[in-house]
Protein backbone atom coordinates (compact mmCIF):
# COMPACT_ATOMS: atom_id res chain seq x y z
CA MET A 1 34.82 -158.63 21.72
CA LYS A 2 38.60 -157.25 22.96
CA TYR A 3 38.97 -154.98 25.71
CA ALA A 4 42.32 -153.75 26.35
CA ILE A 5 42.56 -152.37 29.42
CA PHE A 6 45.51 -150.55 31.26
CA SER A 7 47.02 -148.30 34.21
CA ASP A 8 49.04 -145.80 35.16
CA ILE A 9 50.57 -144.89 31.61
CA HIS A 10 52.39 -141.49 33.87
CA ALA A 11 53.16 -139.87 30.81
CA ASN A 12 56.09 -143.02 29.09
CA LEU A 13 55.06 -142.73 25.79
CA GLU A 14 58.01 -145.66 25.06
CA ALA A 15 55.55 -148.21 26.91
CA LEU A 16 52.72 -146.69 26.20
CA ASN A 17 53.53 -147.00 22.19
CA ALA A 18 54.93 -150.48 22.79
CA VAL A 19 51.52 -151.59 24.23
CA LEU A 20 49.34 -149.80 22.06
CA SER A 21 51.08 -152.14 18.90
CA LYS A 22 50.95 -155.02 20.73
CA CYS A 23 47.07 -154.59 20.71
CA GLU A 24 46.99 -154.09 17.84
CA ARG A 25 48.40 -157.12 16.75
CA LEU A 26 46.05 -159.09 19.35
CA ARG A 27 43.08 -156.86 16.98
CA VAL A 28 41.65 -155.27 20.21
CA ASP A 29 37.99 -153.55 19.60
CA LYS A 30 38.09 -151.06 22.23
CA TYR A 31 40.09 -149.85 25.33
CA ILE A 32 39.65 -149.11 28.66
CA SER A 33 42.06 -146.28 30.73
CA LEU A 34 42.34 -146.70 34.53
CA GLY A 35 43.57 -143.31 34.81
CA ASP A 36 46.93 -141.72 35.62
CA ILE A 37 47.64 -141.12 32.38
CA VAL A 38 50.18 -138.53 33.52
CA GLY A 39 53.10 -138.05 35.94
CA TYR A 40 56.18 -138.72 36.22
CA ASN A 41 57.38 -139.02 33.59
CA ALA A 42 57.93 -136.77 29.87
CA ASN A 43 55.17 -137.38 27.86
CA PRO A 44 51.92 -136.17 29.44
CA GLN A 45 50.47 -134.83 26.61
CA GLU A 46 51.13 -136.74 24.02
CA CYS A 47 50.30 -140.25 26.72
CA VAL A 48 46.46 -137.97 26.82
CA ASP A 49 46.94 -137.32 23.09
CA ARG A 50 46.43 -141.36 22.30
CA ILE A 51 44.84 -141.64 24.64
CA ARG A 52 41.99 -139.54 23.42
CA SER A 53 42.21 -141.00 19.73
CA LEU A 54 41.46 -144.73 20.88
CA ASP A 55 38.16 -146.77 20.60
CA LEU A 56 37.63 -146.17 24.83
CA ALA A 57 34.94 -147.64 26.09
CA GLY A 58 35.63 -146.62 29.73
CA ALA A 59 37.92 -144.29 31.33
CA VAL A 60 37.82 -142.82 34.73
CA LYS A 61 40.49 -140.40 36.38
CA GLY A 62 43.63 -141.20 38.39
CA ASN A 63 45.14 -138.88 41.52
CA HIS A 64 47.79 -137.56 39.63
CA ASP A 65 45.16 -136.43 36.19
CA GLU A 66 43.02 -135.04 39.49
CA TYR A 67 46.21 -133.05 40.93
CA ALA A 68 47.32 -131.88 37.19
CA SER A 69 44.22 -131.10 36.18
CA ASN A 70 43.04 -128.92 38.75
CA ASN A 71 44.27 -125.40 40.06
CA SER A 72 45.41 -126.23 43.52
CA GLN A 73 49.47 -126.36 44.97
CA GLU A 74 47.72 -129.32 47.56
CA MET A 75 48.64 -132.98 46.84
CA GLU A 76 48.06 -134.60 49.94
CA GLY A 77 49.96 -137.90 50.08
CA PHE A 78 52.37 -137.27 47.22
CA ASN A 79 56.27 -137.79 47.51
CA PRO A 80 58.36 -134.58 46.55
CA HIS A 81 59.30 -136.39 43.53
CA ALA A 82 55.66 -136.90 42.77
CA ARG A 83 55.00 -133.38 43.53
CA ASP A 84 57.92 -131.42 41.15
CA ALA A 85 56.82 -134.41 38.05
CA ILE A 86 53.18 -132.65 38.44
CA LEU A 87 54.45 -129.61 38.60
CA TRP A 88 55.85 -129.74 35.74
CA THR A 89 52.96 -131.31 33.91
CA LYS A 90 50.97 -128.98 34.88
CA SER A 91 52.56 -126.95 32.23
CA GLN A 92 53.43 -129.02 29.47
CA LEU A 93 49.39 -129.56 29.46
CA ASN A 94 47.27 -127.70 27.14
CA GLU A 95 44.02 -126.59 28.65
CA GLU A 96 41.63 -128.33 26.58
CA SER A 97 43.32 -131.99 27.82
CA ARG A 98 43.07 -130.79 31.34
CA GLN A 99 39.81 -130.14 30.77
CA TRP A 100 39.33 -133.49 29.93
CA LEU A 101 41.40 -135.36 32.64
CA ALA A 102 39.13 -133.16 34.65
CA SER A 103 35.72 -134.56 33.84
CA LEU A 104 36.52 -138.29 33.87
CA PRO A 105 34.62 -139.64 36.87
CA LEU A 106 36.75 -141.18 39.53
CA ARG A 107 34.28 -145.35 38.97
CA SER A 108 32.55 -146.12 35.97
CA THR A 109 30.24 -149.63 34.87
CA ILE A 110 30.58 -149.86 31.61
CA PRO A 111 26.99 -150.47 30.14
CA GLN A 112 26.54 -154.10 28.43
CA THR A 113 29.94 -155.48 29.65
CA GLY A 114 29.72 -156.35 33.26
CA ILE A 115 32.98 -154.73 33.80
CA THR A 116 33.20 -151.12 36.45
CA ILE A 117 36.66 -149.67 36.92
CA VAL A 118 38.43 -147.41 39.30
CA HIS A 119 41.31 -146.10 39.61
CA SER A 120 41.58 -146.64 42.99
CA THR A 121 38.97 -148.22 44.78
CA LEU A 122 35.41 -148.46 44.96
CA ASP A 123 34.00 -147.94 48.34
CA SER A 124 35.81 -144.36 48.53
CA PRO A 125 37.54 -143.78 45.33
CA GLU A 126 38.45 -140.37 46.35
CA ALA A 127 40.13 -141.06 49.12
CA TRP A 128 42.90 -142.77 46.82
CA GLY A 129 43.53 -145.78 48.74
CA TYR A 130 45.34 -149.03 48.19
CA ILE A 131 44.59 -152.74 47.47
CA PHE A 132 47.21 -154.75 48.59
CA ASP A 133 45.45 -158.09 50.74
CA ILE A 134 41.91 -159.74 50.78
CA HIS A 135 41.08 -157.79 53.68
CA HIS A 136 40.92 -154.59 51.08
CA ALA A 137 39.24 -156.32 48.72
CA ALA A 138 36.79 -157.99 51.03
CA ASP A 139 35.86 -154.02 50.88
CA ASN A 140 35.48 -153.84 47.61
CA PHE A 141 33.34 -156.39 46.62
CA SER A 142 31.26 -155.49 48.72
CA TYR A 143 30.18 -152.30 46.23
CA GLN A 144 31.01 -154.24 42.99
CA PHE A 145 27.74 -154.93 41.81
CA THR A 146 29.66 -156.56 38.39
CA PRO A 147 31.25 -159.71 37.63
CA LEU A 148 34.64 -157.85 36.97
CA CYS A 149 35.80 -154.88 38.14
CA PHE A 150 39.59 -153.34 37.04
CA CYS A 151 41.78 -151.26 38.95
CA GLY A 152 45.06 -149.83 38.94
CA HIS A 153 46.98 -147.01 41.66
CA SER A 154 49.44 -149.79 43.34
CA HIS A 155 51.13 -150.29 39.84
CA VAL A 156 51.50 -153.96 41.31
CA PRO A 157 49.73 -156.68 39.20
CA ILE A 158 46.93 -158.54 41.93
CA ALA A 159 43.28 -160.51 41.46
CA PHE A 160 41.09 -161.87 43.18
CA MET A 161 38.14 -163.64 42.87
CA LYS A 162 35.09 -163.77 44.39
CA LYS A 163 33.39 -167.74 44.83
CA PRO A 164 29.44 -168.26 45.28
CA VAL A 165 29.37 -169.38 48.75
CA THR A 166 27.82 -172.84 49.44
CA SER A 167 28.67 -173.04 53.28
CA ALA A 168 29.19 -171.20 56.02
CA SER A 169 32.52 -172.82 56.34
CA GLU A 170 34.33 -171.70 52.86
CA LYS A 171 35.74 -169.37 52.57
CA PRO A 172 35.22 -166.80 49.73
CA ILE A 173 37.24 -164.85 48.72
CA ASP A 174 41.10 -165.96 47.03
CA GLU A 175 43.70 -164.26 45.51
CA ILE A 176 45.40 -165.40 41.99
CA MET A 177 48.29 -165.95 42.97
CA HIS A 178 49.91 -166.88 39.85
CA TRP A 179 48.82 -163.34 38.67
CA SER A 180 50.94 -161.11 40.79
CA HIS A 181 53.62 -163.22 39.82
CA LYS A 182 57.47 -160.82 40.46
CA ARG A 183 61.01 -160.70 38.27
CA ASN A 184 62.86 -162.97 40.05
CA GLU A 185 66.15 -161.31 40.29
CA SER A 186 67.39 -164.43 40.57
CA LEU A 187 66.42 -166.25 37.68
CA VAL A 188 69.21 -166.85 35.19
CA PRO A 189 68.81 -165.33 32.43
CA ASP A 190 66.82 -162.44 32.92
CA VAL A 191 63.81 -161.85 30.60
CA VAL A 192 62.59 -158.80 31.20
CA ASP A 193 63.18 -158.39 27.27
CA VAL A 194 61.15 -161.44 26.61
CA GLU A 195 57.23 -160.26 26.08
CA ASP A 196 54.97 -162.85 27.90
CA SER A 197 51.64 -162.99 29.16
CA ILE A 198 49.75 -164.79 32.19
CA MET A 199 45.92 -165.86 31.59
CA ILE A 200 42.84 -166.19 34.08
CA ASP A 201 39.59 -168.31 33.00
CA ILE A 202 36.66 -166.86 34.05
CA LYS A 203 34.44 -168.65 35.68
CA SER A 204 30.13 -168.16 35.66
CA GLY A 205 28.81 -167.01 39.04
CA TYR A 206 32.33 -165.62 39.81
CA LYS A 207 33.01 -161.91 40.75
CA TYR A 208 36.76 -160.91 39.92
CA LEU A 209 38.97 -158.03 41.44
CA VAL A 210 41.47 -157.27 38.61
CA ASN A 211 44.82 -154.43 39.08
CA VAL A 212 45.91 -154.82 35.61
CA GLY A 213 49.53 -153.63 37.07
CA SER A 214 51.47 -150.33 35.72
CA VAL A 215 52.54 -149.06 31.77
CA GLY A 216 54.63 -146.57 32.20
CA GLN A 217 56.00 -147.46 36.03
CA PRO A 218 56.02 -150.82 37.10
CA ARG A 219 56.84 -151.06 40.81
CA ASN A 220 56.57 -155.34 41.21
CA ARG A 221 60.12 -155.52 40.45
CA ASP A 222 59.41 -156.22 37.13
CA PRO A 223 60.01 -153.07 34.30
CA ARG A 224 58.05 -154.30 31.44
CA ALA A 225 55.31 -152.56 31.11
CA SER A 226 51.43 -154.31 32.37
CA PHE A 227 48.19 -154.05 30.46
CA VAL A 228 45.28 -156.49 30.71
CA VAL A 229 42.75 -157.45 27.50
CA TYR A 230 39.35 -159.00 27.91
CA ASP A 231 38.11 -161.49 25.98
CA SER A 232 33.86 -162.02 26.25
CA VAL A 233 33.64 -164.54 23.19
CA VAL A 234 35.54 -166.86 25.16
CA ASN A 235 35.57 -165.88 28.59
CA THR A 236 39.32 -164.89 29.85
CA LEU A 237 41.37 -162.11 31.05
CA THR A 238 44.83 -162.14 29.49
CA ARG A 239 47.61 -159.78 31.54
CA TYR A 240 50.30 -159.07 29.03
CA ARG A 241 53.72 -158.08 30.01
CA ILE A 242 56.19 -156.70 27.22
CA PRO A 243 59.62 -154.95 27.20
CA TYR A 244 59.64 -151.11 25.68
CA ASP A 245 62.99 -148.17 25.32
CA ILE A 246 63.41 -147.80 29.02
CA GLU A 247 66.56 -146.21 28.09
CA LEU A 248 64.98 -143.66 25.62
CA ALA A 249 61.52 -143.37 28.60
CA GLN A 250 65.04 -142.67 31.18
CA SER A 251 66.78 -140.44 28.79
CA LYS A 252 63.57 -138.00 28.50
CA ILE A 253 63.12 -137.95 31.92
CA ARG A 254 66.66 -136.06 32.50
CA GLU A 255 66.54 -133.94 29.41
CA ALA A 256 63.21 -132.50 31.00
CA LYS A 257 65.56 -132.08 34.40
CA LEU A 258 62.46 -134.34 36.37
CA PRO A 259 64.26 -135.92 39.70
CA GLU A 260 66.74 -138.29 38.84
CA ARG A 261 64.90 -140.80 40.99
CA LEU A 262 62.19 -141.67 38.71
CA ALA A 263 63.92 -142.53 35.91
CA THR A 264 66.75 -145.11 37.83
CA ARG A 265 63.59 -147.29 39.15
CA LEU A 266 62.48 -147.29 35.44
CA LEU A 267 65.14 -149.99 34.64
CA LEU A 268 64.40 -151.28 38.50
CA GLY A 269 60.73 -151.56 38.13
CA ASN A 270 60.24 -150.45 41.98
């Protein structure tokens, strides 16, 4: 079984379409959404419609989904650009989509898969915290009872593995360094228009905590859409980095009169 896992689409229809086209070529069986389908970009209704049309194995709510689907004007922790985009998003979503977003859980364990999903953190998903390092990962592993946990929220891909400990002196948690490989702007030629991938072999008895990166607004200096495919037959995780039509996504943001910063950051990947 192949599962496509993605997060932080943020109403970027061009990036989502590129990812779903790749999933079709990979013959993905089922899809998992880690939240923040809306916010920032200019096609919230279309992105919700596309996600709901997929064969979803699981889906959880992100903070932008939460604020776009409720009636509160309070958006704790949001900068002015994010707040402006959510207020605009509320005017674009139909009531059915808002109710669907509101109904999504904050975390979920998908039966018979060994997968737990959350947008932010397992220990307190409603606080919308971030996992940036081994210390944050250790807190999350304390609440992880499945071999795999996928998260998003930071827009930065990062992965950790927790080994079976055989001695008190052994370090139990390691960051999987190559997973978070960023665009290196000193490289020539630049490869942001090229599709590529990074793979992890899943080891028996280990636990993995994986941030899949962002489809619609990457922040790791690589503007390509990032998502993950879990192949349960060969026991691998593969993170794909897919180019998409950034200029079209930018033009839609400007046409909607959303903050300019939301357009410029797409090309920079930050």
